[in-house]
Amino acid sequence: DNDENIDILHYDVSVNGNTINLKYDLDKDANITILVCNYMGCTFKHMSFKATSGEGLETDIDCSGLSPDIYVLYINVNGKIYNEKINLKHWLWIRR
């Protein structure tokens, strides 16, 4: 039984302002590590946690302070790695 070849994560990624939202279903308990890196591989955000299996799970990654740019979101679930290209565009609200 090689866990690295089994898809236990089913997910959708969206960006709302400077927050990356990861919605996912997990078929079994897992150790999850999330990285937000630039195209040169520099890590800007890192989070690791144990997740319990379930549906409708959600994690927000606050990217405040990161420059508007293209980033790569890496999701490591029990050794299996998923990646998504993320376009962070910051909206500036000007108060009058």
PDB file of N, CA and C in Angstrom:
ATOM      1  N   ASP A   1       0.851  -1.184   0.000  1.00  0.00           N
ATOM      2  CA  ASP A   1       0.000   0.000   0.000  1.00  0.00           C
ATOM      3  C   ASP A   1       0.891   1.239   0.000  1.00  0.00           C
ATOM      4  N   ASN A   2       0.991   1.890  -1.141  1.00  0.00           N
ATOM      5  CA  ASN A   2       1.827   3.084  -1.258  1.00  0.00           C
ATOM      6  C   ASN A   2       0.941   4.320  -1.259  1.00  0.00           C
ATOM      7  N   ASP A   3       0.916   5.025  -0.104  1.00  0.00           N
ATOM      8  CA  ASP A   3       0.034   6.185   0.060  1.00  0.00           C
ATOM      9  C   ASP A   3       0.317   7.296  -0.946  1.00  0.00           C
ATOM     10  N   GLU A   4       1.561   7.385  -1.424  1.00  0.00           N
ATOM     11  CA  GLU A   4       1.918   8.483  -2.314  1.00  0.00           C
ATOM     12  C   GLU A   4       1.196   8.414  -3.654  1.00  0.00           C
ATOM     13  N   ASN A   5       0.692   7.248  -4.037  1.00  0.00           N
ATOM     14  CA  ASN A   5       0.038   7.102  -5.338  1.00  0.00           C
ATOM     15  C   ASN A   5      -1.480   7.163  -5.254  1.00  0.00           C
ATOM     16  N   ILE A   6      -2.012   7.335  -4.060  1.00  0.00           N
ATOM     17  CA  ILE A   6      -3.456   7.338  -3.879  1.00  0.00           C
ATOM     18  C   ILE A   6      -3.947   8.775  -3.720  1.00  0.00           C
ATOM     19  N   ASP A   7      -4.937   9.166  -4.528  1.00  0.00           N
ATOM     20  CA  ASP A   7      -5.528  10.498  -4.398  1.00  0.00           C
ATOM     21  C   ASP A   7      -6.553  10.486  -3.270  1.00  0.00           C
ATOM     22  N   ILE A   8      -6.176  11.046  -2.124  1.00  0.00           N
ATOM     23  CA  ILE A   8      -7.133  11.146  -1.028  1.00  0.00           C
ATOM     24  C   ILE A   8      -7.621  12.589  -0.874  1.00  0.00           C
ATOM     25  N   LEU A   9      -7.017  13.509  -1.657  1.00  0.00           N
ATOM     26  CA  LEU A   9      -7.392  14.916  -1.612  1.00  0.00           C
ATOM     27  C   LEU A   9      -8.134  15.294  -2.881  1.00  0.00           C
ATOM     28  N   HIS A  10      -9.279  15.952  -2.706  1.00  0.00           N
ATOM     29  CA  HIS A  10     -10.073  16.463  -3.823  1.00  0.00           C
ATOM     30  C   HIS A  10     -10.326  17.919  -3.487  1.00  0.00           C
ATOM     31  N   TYR A  11      -9.810  18.845  -4.308  1.00  0.00           N
ATOM     32  CA  TYR A  11      -9.774  20.239  -3.866  1.00  0.00           C
ATOM     33  C   TYR A  11     -10.105  21.248  -4.953  1.00  0.00           C
ATOM     34  N   ASP A  12     -10.362  22.471  -4.491  1.00  0.00           N
ATOM     35  CA  ASP A  12     -10.593  23.612  -5.359  1.00  0.00           C
ATOM     36  C   ASP A  12      -9.904  24.806  -4.708  1.00  0.00           C
ATOM     37  N   VAL A  13      -9.201  25.602  -5.526  1.00  0.00           N
ATOM     38  CA  VAL A  13      -8.465  26.763  -5.020  1.00  0.00           C
ATOM     39  C   VAL A  13      -9.049  28.031  -5.624  1.00  0.00           C
ATOM     40  N   SER A  14      -9.250  29.042  -4.788  1.00  0.00           N
ATOM     41  CA  SER A  14      -9.676  30.342  -5.284  1.00  0.00           C
ATOM     42  C   SER A  14      -8.883  31.422  -4.555  1.00  0.00           C
ATOM     43  N   VAL A  15      -8.839  32.599  -5.163  1.00  0.00           N
ATOM     44  CA  VAL A  15      -8.137  33.729  -4.556  1.00  0.00           C
ATOM     45  C   VAL A  15      -9.135  34.849  -4.355  1.00  0.00           C
ATOM     46  N   ASN A  16      -9.160  35.375  -3.141  1.00  0.00           N
ATOM     47  CA  ASN A  16     -10.034  36.495  -2.817  1.00  0.00           C
ATOM     48  C   ASN A  16      -9.156  37.587  -2.224  1.00  0.00           C
ATOM     49  N   GLY A  17      -8.814  38.585  -3.046  1.00  0.00           N
ATOM     50  CA  GLY A  17      -7.899  39.633  -2.576  1.00  0.00           C
ATOM     51  C   GLY A  17      -6.529  39.055  -2.329  1.00  0.00           C
ATOM     52  N   ASN A  18      -6.055  39.124  -1.082  1.00  0.00           N
ATOM     53  CA  ASN A  18      -4.739  38.565  -0.773  1.00  0.00           C
ATOM     54  C   ASN A  18      -4.856  37.300   0.070  1.00  0.00           C
ATOM     55  N   THR A  19      -5.982  36.614  -0.064  1.00  0.00           N
ATOM     56  CA  THR A  19      -6.184  35.348   0.641  1.00  0.00           C
ATOM     57  C   THR A  19      -6.415  34.227  -0.367  1.00  0.00           C
ATOM     58  N   ILE A  20      -5.651  33.151  -0.203  1.00  0.00           N
ATOM     59  CA  ILE A  20      -5.867  31.940  -1.004  1.00  0.00           C
ATOM     60  C   ILE A  20      -6.796  31.046  -0.195  1.00  0.00           C
ATOM     61  N   ASN A  21      -7.886  30.608  -0.817  1.00  0.00           N
ATOM     62  CA  ASN A  21      -8.848  29.748  -0.153  1.00  0.00           C
ATOM     63  C   ASN A  21      -8.769  28.351  -0.754  1.00  0.00           C
ATOM     64  N   LEU A  22      -8.500  27.370   0.091  1.00  0.00           N
ATOM     65  CA  LEU A  22      -8.426  25.976  -0.322  1.00  0.00           C
ATOM     66  C   LEU A  22      -9.625  25.247   0.274  1.00  0.00           C
ATOM     67  N   LYS A  23     -10.537  24.796  -0.596  1.00  0.00           N
ATOM     68  CA  LYS A  23     -11.678  23.989  -0.165  1.00  0.00           C
ATOM     69  C   LYS A  23     -11.382  22.562  -0.592  1.00  0.00           C
ATOM     70  N   TYR A  24     -11.586  21.622   0.325  1.00  0.00           N
ATOM     71  CA  TYR A  24     -11.191  20.259  -0.020  1.00  0.00           C
ATOM     72  C   TYR A  24     -11.998  19.207   0.725  1.00  0.00           C
ATOM     73  N   ASP A  25     -11.984  18.024   0.137  1.00  0.00           N
ATOM     74  CA  ASP A  25     -12.500  16.811   0.765  1.00  0.00           C
ATOM     75  C   ASP A  25     -11.298  15.902   0.957  1.00  0.00           C
ATOM     76  N   LEU A  26     -11.290  15.192   2.069  1.00  0.00           N
ATOM     77  CA  LEU A  26     -10.168  14.318   2.401  1.00  0.00           C
ATOM     78  C   LEU A  26     -10.718  12.929   2.706  1.00  0.00           C
ATOM     79  N   ASP A  27     -10.257  11.920   1.957  1.00  0.00           N
ATOM     80  CA  ASP A  27     -10.783  10.570   2.108  1.00  0.00           C
ATOM     81  C   ASP A  27     -10.319   9.885   3.392  1.00  0.00           C
ATOM     82  N   LYS A  28      -9.167  10.294   3.923  1.00  0.00           N
ATOM     83  CA  LYS A  28      -8.698   9.737   5.195  1.00  0.00           C
ATOM     84  C   LYS A  28      -7.797  10.747   5.887  1.00  0.00           C
ATOM     85  N   ASP A  29      -7.526  10.530   7.163  1.00  0.00           N
ATOM     86  CA  ASP A  29      -6.677  11.438   7.924  1.00  0.00           C
ATOM     87  C   ASP A  29      -5.330  11.602   7.229  1.00  0.00           C
ATOM     88  N   ALA A  30      -4.767  12.810   7.310  1.00  0.00           N
ATOM     89  CA  ALA A  30      -3.524  13.064   6.580  1.00  0.00           C
ATOM     90  C   ALA A  30      -2.702  14.148   7.260  1.00  0.00           C
ATOM     91  N   ASN A  31      -1.399  14.095   7.010  1.00  0.00           N
ATOM     92  CA  ASN A  31      -0.503  15.193   7.346  1.00  0.00           C
ATOM     93  C   ASN A  31      -0.423  16.070   6.104  1.00  0.00           C
ATOM     94  N   ILE A  32      -0.723  17.358   6.271  1.00  0.00           N
ATOM     95  CA  ILE A  32      -0.758  18.282   5.138  1.00  0.00           C
ATOM     96  C   ILE A  32       0.255  19.396   5.358  1.00  0.00           C
ATOM     97  N   THR A  33       1.035  19.682   4.331  1.00  0.00           N
ATOM     98  CA  THR A  33       1.938  20.829   4.340  1.00  0.00           C
ATOM     99  C   THR A  33       1.594  21.675   3.130  1.00  0.00           C
ATOM    100  N   ILE A  34       1.452  22.984   3.367  1.00  0.00           N
ATOM    101  CA  ILE A  34       1.127  23.918   2.295  1.00  0.00           C
ATOM    102  C   ILE A  34       2.252  24.936   2.180  1.00  0.00           C
ATOM    103  N   LEU A  35       2.716  25.163   0.960  1.00  0.00           N
ATOM    104  CA  LEU A  35       3.739  26.166   0.694  1.00  0.00           C
ATOM    105  C   LEU A  35       3.236  27.126  -0.374  1.00  0.00           C
ATOM    106  N   VAL A  36       3.570  28.405  -0.223  1.00  0.00           N
ATOM    107  CA  VAL A  36       3.352  29.385  -1.278  1.00  0.00           C
ATOM    108  C   VAL A  36       4.734  29.880  -1.669  1.00  0.00           C
ATOM    109  N   CYS A  37       5.116  29.619  -2.922  1.00  0.00           N
ATOM    110  CA  CYS A  37       6.468  29.937  -3.404  1.00  0.00           C
ATOM    111  C   CYS A  37       6.384  30.805  -4.649  1.00  0.00           C
ATOM    112  N   ASN A  38       7.475  31.534  -4.914  1.00  0.00           N
ATOM    113  CA  ASN A  38       7.532  32.252  -6.186  1.00  0.00           C
ATOM    114  C   ASN A  38       8.098  31.313  -7.244  1.00  0.00           C
ATOM    115  N   TYR A  39       8.196  31.811  -8.475  1.00  0.00           N
ATOM    116  CA  TYR A  39       8.626  30.939  -9.573  1.00  0.00           C
ATOM    117  C   TYR A  39      10.088  30.498  -9.440  1.00  0.00           C
ATOM    118  N   MET A  40      10.871  31.168  -8.572  1.00  0.00           N
ATOM    119  CA  MET A  40      12.264  30.762  -8.357  1.00  0.00           C
ATOM    120  C   MET A  40      12.395  29.778  -7.195  1.00  0.00           C
ATOM    121  N   GLY A  41      11.266  29.442  -6.564  1.00  0.00           N
ATOM    122  CA  GLY A  41      11.289  28.450  -5.498  1.00  0.00           C
ATOM    123  C   GLY A  41      11.441  29.010  -4.097  1.00  0.00           C
ATOM    124  N   CYS A  42      11.477  30.333  -3.951  1.00  0.00           N
ATOM    125  CA  CYS A  42      11.554  30.931  -2.609  1.00  0.00           C
ATOM    126  C   CYS A  42      10.207  30.756  -1.914  1.00  0.00           C
ATOM    127  N   THR A  43      10.249  30.247  -0.678  1.00  0.00           N
ATOM    128  CA  THR A  43       9.025  30.012   0.085  1.00  0.00           C
ATOM    129  C   THR A  43       8.644  31.264   0.858  1.00  0.00           C
ATOM    130  N   PHE A  44       7.382  31.693   0.695  1.00  0.00           N
ATOM    131  CA  PHE A  44       6.885  32.875   1.396  1.00  0.00           C
ATOM    132  C   PHE A  44       5.900  32.511   2.497  1.00  0.00           C
ATOM    133  N   LYS A  45       5.187  31.428   2.326  1.00  0.00           N
ATOM    134  CA  LYS A  45       4.238  30.966   3.337  1.00  0.00           C
ATOM    135  C   LYS A  45       4.429  29.473   3.521  1.00  0.00           C
ATOM    136  N   HIS A  46       4.312  29.027   4.765  1.00  0.00           N
ATOM    137  CA  HIS A  46       4.474  27.607   5.078  1.00  0.00           C
ATOM    138  C   HIS A  46       3.525  27.269   6.214  1.00  0.00           C
ATOM    139  N   MET A  47       2.756  26.234   6.042  1.00  0.00           N
ATOM    140  CA  MET A  47       1.909  25.761   7.135  1.00  0.00           C
ATOM    141  C   MET A  47       1.808  24.244   7.070  1.00  0.00           C
ATOM    142  N   SER A  48       1.847  23.616   8.239  1.00  0.00           N
ATOM    143  CA  SER A  48       1.719  22.165   8.340  1.00  0.00           C
ATOM    144  C   SER A  48       0.694  21.847   9.411  1.00  0.00           C
ATOM    145  N   PHE A  49      -0.126  20.844   9.138  1.00  0.00           N
ATOM    146  CA  PHE A  49      -1.135  20.455  10.121  1.00  0.00           C
ATOM    147  C   PHE A  49      -1.616  19.043   9.842  1.00  0.00           C
ATOM    148  N   LYS A  50      -2.197  18.437  10.863  1.00  0.00           N
ATOM    149  CA  LYS A  50      -2.841  17.135  10.713  1.00  0.00           C
ATOM    150  C   LYS A  50      -4.314  17.406  10.446  1.00  0.00           C
ATOM    151  N   ALA A  51      -4.841  16.770   9.418  1.00  0.00           N
ATOM    152  CA  ALA A  51      -6.239  16.971   9.053  1.00  0.00           C
ATOM    153  C   ALA A  51      -6.999  15.658   9.190  1.00  0.00           C
ATOM    154  N   THR A  52      -8.215  15.765   9.677  1.00  0.00           N
ATOM    155  CA  THR A  52      -9.088  14.615   9.824  1.00  0.00           C
ATOM    156  C   THR A  52      -9.938  14.476   8.562  1.00  0.00           C
ATOM    157  N   SER A  53     -10.171  13.255   8.155  1.00  0.00           N
ATOM    158  CA  SER A  53     -10.956  13.024   6.940  1.00  0.00           C
ATOM    159  C   SER A  53     -12.318  13.691   7.045  1.00  0.00           C
ATOM    160  N   GLY A  54     -12.843  14.101   5.903  1.00  0.00           N
ATOM    161  CA  GLY A  54     -14.152  14.721   5.881  1.00  0.00           C
ATOM    162  C   GLY A  54     -14.402  15.445   4.585  1.00  0.00           C
ATOM    163  N   GLU A  55     -15.601  15.988   4.461  1.00  0.00           N
ATOM    164  CA  GLU A  55     -15.991  16.744   3.274  1.00  0.00           C
ATOM    165  C   GLU A  55     -16.253  18.186   3.669  1.00  0.00           C
ATOM    166  N   GLY A  56     -16.070  19.089   2.712  1.00  0.00           N
ATOM    167  CA  GLY A  56     -16.355  20.494   2.956  1.00  0.00           C
ATOM    168  C   GLY A  56     -15.349  21.180   3.862  1.00  0.00           C
ATOM    169  N   LEU A  57     -14.122  20.681   3.881  1.00  0.00           N
ATOM    170  CA  LEU A  57     -13.066  21.289   4.702  1.00  0.00           C
ATOM    171  C   LEU A  57     -12.535  22.525   3.999  1.00  0.00           C
ATOM    172  N   GLU A  58     -11.935  23.422   4.779  1.00  0.00           N
ATOM    173  CA  GLU A  58     -11.497  24.685   4.200  1.00  0.00           C
ATOM    174  C   GLU A  58     -10.299  25.223   4.966  1.00  0.00           C
ATOM    175  N   THR A  59      -9.343  25.791   4.223  1.00  0.00           N
ATOM    176  CA  THR A  59      -8.181  26.445   4.822  1.00  0.00           C
ATOM    177  C   THR A  59      -7.918  27.737   4.059  1.00  0.00           C
ATOM    178  N   ASP A  60      -7.694  28.816   4.786  1.00  0.00           N
ATOM    179  CA  ASP A  60      -7.334  30.089   4.184  1.00  0.00           C
ATOM    180  C   ASP A  60      -5.858  30.351   4.411  1.00  0.00           C
ATOM    181  N   ILE A  61      -5.176  30.841   3.382  1.00  0.00           N
ATOM    182  CA  ILE A  61      -3.763  31.203   3.476  1.00  0.00           C
ATOM    183  C   ILE A  61      -3.674  32.711   3.262  1.00  0.00           C
ATOM    184  N   ASP A  62      -3.319  33.424   4.323  1.00  0.00           N
ATOM    185  CA  ASP A  62      -3.226  34.882   4.268  1.00  0.00           C
ATOM    186  C   ASP A  62      -1.921  35.279   3.593  1.00  0.00           C
ATOM    187  N   CYS A  63      -2.018  35.963   2.474  1.00  0.00           N
ATOM    188  CA  CYS A  63      -0.829  36.369   1.713  1.00  0.00           C
ATOM    189  C   CYS A  63      -0.604  37.880   1.789  1.00  0.00           C
ATOM    190  N   SER A  64      -1.096  38.498   2.866  1.00  0.00           N
ATOM    191  CA  SER A  64      -0.840  39.919   3.075  1.00  0.00           C
ATOM    192  C   SER A  64       0.670  40.138   3.094  1.00  0.00           C
ATOM    193  N   GLY A  65       1.098  41.195   2.465  1.00  0.00           N
ATOM    194  CA  GLY A  65       2.526  41.495   2.459  1.00  0.00           C
ATOM    195  C   GLY A  65       3.262  40.947   1.247  1.00  0.00           C
ATOM    196  N   LEU A  66       2.626  40.047   0.504  1.00  0.00           N
ATOM    197  CA  LEU A  66       3.270  39.531  -0.710  1.00  0.00           C
ATOM    198  C   LEU A  66       2.965  40.477  -1.869  1.00  0.00           C
ATOM    199  N   SER A  67       3.949  40.684  -2.707  1.00  0.00           N
ATOM    200  CA  SER A  67       3.762  41.533  -3.879  1.00  0.00           C
ATOM    201  C   SER A  67       2.820  40.867  -4.867  1.00  0.00           C
ATOM    202  N   PRO A  68       2.047  41.668  -5.608  1.00  0.00           N
ATOM    203  CA  PRO A  68       1.228  41.072  -6.671  1.00  0.00           C
ATOM    204  C   PRO A  68       2.150  40.349  -7.653  1.00  0.00           C
ATOM    205  N   ASP A  69       1.893  39.100  -7.911  1.00  0.00           N
ATOM    206  CA  ASP A  69       2.769  38.298  -8.771  1.00  0.00           C
ATOM    207  C   ASP A  69       2.123  36.934  -8.981  1.00  0.00           C
ATOM    208  N   ILE A  70       2.793  36.111  -9.743  1.00  0.00           N
ATOM    209  CA  ILE A  70       2.386  34.719  -9.922  1.00  0.00           C
ATOM    210  C   ILE A  70       3.155  33.880  -8.905  1.00  0.00           C
ATOM    211  N   TYR A  71       2.446  33.063  -8.157  1.00  0.00           N
ATOM    212  CA  TYR A  71       3.038  32.194  -7.150  1.00  0.00           C
ATOM    213  C   TYR A  71       2.613  30.754  -7.442  1.00  0.00           C
ATOM    214  N   VAL A  72       3.267  29.809  -6.782  1.00  0.00           N
ATOM    215  CA  VAL A  72       2.872  28.410  -6.894  1.00  0.00           C
ATOM    216  C   VAL A  72       2.456  27.939  -5.507  1.00  0.00           C
ATOM    217  N   LEU A  73       1.263  27.361  -5.431  1.00  0.00           N
ATOM    218  CA  LEU A  73       0.759  26.774  -4.202  1.00  0.00           C
ATOM    219  C   LEU A  73       1.068  25.283  -4.263  1.00  0.00           C
ATOM    220  N   TYR A  74       1.873  24.813  -3.310  1.00  0.00           N
ATOM    221  CA  TYR A  74       2.183  23.387  -3.205  1.00  0.00           C
ATOM    222  C   TYR A  74       1.414  22.807  -2.031  1.00  0.00           C
ATOM    223  N   ILE A  75       0.740  21.689  -2.271  1.00  0.00           N
ATOM    224  CA  ILE A  75      -0.008  21.001  -1.223  1.00  0.00           C
ATOM    225  C   ILE A  75       0.549  19.583  -1.138  1.00  0.00           C
ATOM    226  N   ASN A  76       1.163  19.261   0.000  1.00  0.00           N
ATOM    227  CA  ASN A  76       1.731  17.937   0.218  1.00  0.00           C
ATOM    228  C   ASN A  76       0.804  17.195   1.177  1.00  0.00           C
ATOM    229  N   VAL A  77       0.228  16.100   0.693  1.00  0.00           N
ATOM    230  CA  VAL A  77      -0.710  15.301   1.490  1.00  0.00           C
ATOM    231  C   VAL A  77      -0.128  13.902   1.634  1.00  0.00           C
ATOM    232  N   ASN A  78       0.377  13.598   2.817  1.00  0.00           N
ATOM    233  CA  ASN A  78       1.007  12.289   3.083  1.00  0.00           C
ATOM    234  C   ASN A  78       2.053  11.936   2.021  1.00  0.00           C
ATOM    235  N   GLY A  79       2.791  12.940   1.540  1.00  0.00           N
ATOM    236  CA  GLY A  79       3.864  12.688   0.580  1.00  0.00           C
ATOM    237  C   GLY A  79       3.476  12.897  -0.873  1.00  0.00           C
ATOM    238  N   LYS A  80       2.192  12.956  -1.181  1.00  0.00           N
ATOM    239  CA  LYS A  80       1.761  13.224  -2.561  1.00  0.00           C
ATOM    240  C   LYS A  80       1.640  14.733  -2.741  1.00  0.00           C
ATOM    241  N   ILE A  81       2.267  15.257  -3.787  1.00  0.00           N
ATOM    242  CA  ILE A  81       2.338  16.705  -3.970  1.00  0.00           C
ATOM    243  C   ILE A  81       1.442  17.163  -5.117  1.00  0.00           C
ATOM    244  N   TYR A  82       0.647  18.179  -4.821  1.00  0.00           N
ATOM    245  CA  TYR A  82      -0.210  18.833  -5.804  1.00  0.00           C
ATOM    246  C   TYR A  82       0.294  20.265  -5.937  1.00  0.00           C
ATOM    247  N   ASN A  83       0.117  20.875  -7.102  1.00  0.00           N
ATOM    248  CA  ASN A  83       0.513  22.277  -7.225  1.00  0.00           C
ATOM    249  C   ASN A  83      -0.452  23.029  -8.124  1.00  0.00           C
ATOM    250  N   GLU A  84      -0.599  24.303  -7.807  1.00  0.00           N
ATOM    251  CA  GLU A  84      -1.497  25.179  -8.552  1.00  0.00           C
ATOM    252  C   GLU A  84      -0.817  26.528  -8.742  1.00  0.00           C
ATOM    253  N   LYS A  85      -0.964  27.097  -9.923  1.00  0.00           N
ATOM    254  CA  LYS A  85      -0.452  28.452 -10.172  1.00  0.00           C
ATOM    255  C   LYS A  85      -1.457  29.438  -9.596  1.00  0.00           C
ATOM    256  N   ILE A  86      -0.949  30.404  -8.833  1.00  0.00           N
ATOM    257  CA  ILE A  86      -1.796  31.389  -8.165  1.00  0.00           C
ATOM    258  C   ILE A  86      -1.406  32.780  -8.645  1.00  0.00           C
ATOM    259  N   ASN A  87      -2.392  33.558  -9.063  1.00  0.00           N
ATOM    260  CA  ASN A  87      -2.141  34.940  -9.483  1.00  0.00           C
ATOM    261  C   ASN A  87      -2.678  35.859  -8.387  1.00  0.00           C
ATOM    262  N   LEU A  88      -1.758  36.446  -7.615  1.00  0.00           N
ATOM    263  CA  LEU A  88      -2.169  37.372  -6.560  1.00  0.00           C
ATOM    264  C   LEU A  88      -2.222  38.769  -7.131  1.00  0.00           C
ATOM    265  N   LYS A  89      -3.414  39.319  -7.172  1.00  0.00           N
ATOM    266  CA  LYS A  89      -3.607  40.702  -7.613  1.00  0.00           C
ATOM    267  C   LYS A  89      -4.208  41.442  -6.437  1.00  0.00           C
ATOM    268  N   HIS A  90      -3.512  42.416  -5.940  1.00  0.00           N
ATOM    269  CA  HIS A  90      -4.028  43.173  -4.798  1.00  0.00           C
ATOM    270  C   HIS A  90      -4.865  44.339  -5.298  1.00  0.00           C
ATOM    271  N   TRP A  91      -5.997  44.499  -4.690  1.00  0.00           N
ATOM    272  CA  TRP A  91      -6.877  45.624  -5.020  1.00  0.00           C
ATOM    273  C   TRP A  91      -6.658  46.695  -3.985  1.00  0.00           C
ATOM    274  N   LEU A  92      -6.415  47.891  -4.434  1.00  0.00           N
ATOM    275  CA  LEU A  92      -6.219  49.016  -3.522  1.00  0.00           C
ATOM    276  C   LEU A  92      -7.500  49.831  -3.444  1.00  0.00           C
ATOM    277  N   TRP A  93      -8.019  49.995  -2.247  1.00  0.00           N
ATOM    278  CA  TRP A  93      -9.222  50.789  -2.035  1.00  0.00           C
ATOM    279  C   TRP A  93      -8.786  52.152  -1.519  1.00  0.00           C
ATOM    280  N   ILE A  94      -9.205  53.200  -2.189  1.00  0.00           N
ATOM    281  CA  ILE A  94      -8.841  54.545  -1.784  1.00  0.00           C
ATOM    282  C   ILE A  94     -10.048  55.191  -1.118  1.00  0.00           C
ATOM    283  N   ARG A  95      -9.848  55.586   0.144  1.00  0.00           N
ATOM    284  CA  ARG A  95     -10.929  56.254   0.873  1.00  0.00           C
ATOM    285  C   ARG A  95     -10.877  57.738   0.604  1.00  0.00           C
ATOM    286  N   ARG A  96     -12.026  58.321   0.425  1.00  0.00           N
ATOM    287  CA  ARG A  96     -12.094  59.777   0.204  1.00  0.00           C
ATOM    288  C   ARG A  96     -12.731  60.429   1.411  1.00  0.00           C
TER     289      ARG A  96
END
